């Protein structure tokens, strides 16, 4: 095996391992919609970091790093979007639709 073959194999295996380590978190977040334990600062910084890192990755030859980075971009964006969408409402704030439903029941 040449040095390039070993590097490609290592990149492929590490991509699979890293992606496999993130998938359970993403599946659980989608299934439970409970992202309360996630830090919004971490989710925003991860997405900003991915955007900046994309400049570097697009200048590399196609390979496992593209797959891994693409995976991180998608999962980080999804986690931030889900955090925004599924976060619990602030206490004391009642959505207008809930008030309308209560009035129609009275």
Protein backbone atom coordinates (compact mmCIF):
# COMPACT_ATOMS: atom_id res chain seq x y z
CA UNK A 1 0.00 0.00 0.00
CA UNK A 2 1.28 3.44 -0.87
CA UNK A 3 1.26 6.39 1.47
CA UNK A 4 -1.64 7.93 -0.46
CA UNK A 5 -3.66 4.71 -0.19
CA UNK A 6 -3.09 4.53 3.56
CA UNK A 7 -4.10 8.19 3.93
CA UNK A 8 -7.27 7.63 1.89
CA UNK A 9 -8.16 4.53 3.90
CA UNK A 10 -7.53 6.36 7.18
CA UNK A 11 -9.64 9.31 6.00
CA UNK A 12 -12.49 7.02 4.98
CA UNK A 13 -12.45 5.06 8.24
CA UNK A 14 -12.25 8.21 10.37
CA UNK A 15 -15.11 9.79 8.40
CA UNK A 16 -17.29 6.75 9.07
CA UNK A 17 -16.34 6.74 12.77
CA UNK A 18 -16.96 10.47 13.28
CA UNK A 19 -20.27 10.38 11.40
CA UNK A 20 -21.34 7.29 13.36
CA UNK A 21 -20.61 9.08 16.63
CA UNK A 22 -22.88 12.02 15.71
CA UNK A 23 -25.80 10.07 14.23
CA UNK A 24 -27.29 8.85 17.54
CA UNK A 25 -27.42 12.44 18.83
CA UNK A 26 -29.14 13.67 15.68
CA UNK A 27 -31.64 10.78 15.63
CA UNK A 28 -32.47 11.30 19.32
CA UNK A 29 -32.94 15.04 18.80
CA UNK A 30 -35.30 14.39 15.88
CA UNK A 31 -37.21 11.66 17.71
CA UNK A 32 -37.64 13.42 21.06
CA UNK A 33 -37.49 17.04 19.90
CA UNK A 34 -35.79 17.72 23.23
CA UNK A 35 -32.82 19.99 22.54
CA UNK A 36 -33.05 21.92 25.80
CA UNK A 37 -29.66 20.64 26.96
CA UNK A 38 -27.89 22.04 23.89
CA UNK A 39 -26.10 25.35 24.21
CA UNK A 40 -27.32 27.87 21.64
CA UNK A 41 -23.86 29.47 21.62
CA UNK A 42 -22.29 26.11 20.76
CA UNK A 43 -24.80 25.48 17.98
CA UNK A 44 -24.24 28.94 16.45
CA UNK A 45 -20.44 28.72 16.75
CA UNK A 46 -20.43 25.24 15.19
CA UNK A 47 -22.32 26.60 12.19
CA UNK A 48 -20.08 29.66 11.87
CA UNK A 49 -17.02 27.42 12.17
CA UNK A 50 -18.39 25.12 9.48
CA UNK A 51 -18.98 28.09 7.17
CA UNK A 52 -15.42 29.34 7.61
CA UNK A 53 -13.97 25.81 7.35
CA UNK A 54 -15.87 25.36 4.06
CA UNK A 55 -13.52 27.88 2.46
CA UNK A 56 -10.64 25.56 3.30
CA UNK A 57 -12.39 22.32 2.35
CA UNK A 58 -13.52 23.44 -1.11
CA UNK A 59 -9.87 24.02 -2.01
CA UNK A 60 -8.93 20.43 -1.18
CA UNK A 61 -9.19 17.59 -3.67
CA UNK A 62 -12.40 15.57 -3.42
CA UNK A 63 -12.13 12.85 -0.82
CA UNK A 64 -13.34 11.72 2.58
CA UNK A 65 -12.87 15.20 4.09
CA UNK A 66 -15.57 16.53 1.76
CA UNK A 67 -17.99 13.85 2.93
CA UNK A 68 -17.19 14.43 6.59
CA UNK A 69 -17.41 18.20 6.30
CA UNK A 70 -20.66 17.97 4.35
CA UNK A 71 -22.08 15.73 7.04
CA UNK A 72 -21.04 18.17 9.77
CA UNK A 73 -22.50 21.13 7.86
CA UNK A 74 -25.86 19.39 7.46
CA UNK A 75 -26.10 18.00 10.99
CA UNK A 76 -24.96 21.24 12.66
CA UNK A 77 -27.47 23.25 10.65
CA UNK A 78 -30.25 20.78 11.45
CA UNK A 79 -29.45 20.84 15.16
CA UNK A 80 -29.56 24.65 15.21
CA UNK A 81 -32.81 24.76 13.24
CA UNK A 82 -34.39 22.11 15.46
CA UNK A 83 -33.20 23.94 18.58
CA UNK A 84 -34.90 27.09 17.32
CA UNK A 85 -38.06 25.28 16.27
CA UNK A 86 -38.55 22.91 19.21
CA UNK A 87 -37.33 25.04 22.11
CA UNK A 88 -39.90 25.44 24.83
CA UNK A 89 -41.78 28.70 24.99
CA UNK A 90 -40.83 31.12 27.69
CA UNK A 91 -42.92 30.78 30.82
CA UNK A 92 -45.87 33.10 30.96
CA UNK A 93 -46.00 33.51 27.18
CA UNK A 94 -49.05 31.89 25.62
CA UNK A 95 -49.21 31.55 21.84
CA UNK A 96 -52.08 33.43 20.21
CA UNK A 97 -53.44 30.22 18.66
CA UNK A 98 -53.85 28.73 22.14
CA UNK A 99 -55.86 31.74 23.30
CA UNK A 100 -58.09 31.50 20.23
CA UNK A 101 -58.75 27.80 20.89
CA UNK A 102 -59.66 28.48 24.53
CA UNK A 103 -62.06 31.26 23.53
CA UNK A 104 -63.77 29.04 20.97
CA UNK A 105 -64.26 26.31 23.61
CA UNK A 106 -65.88 28.70 26.09
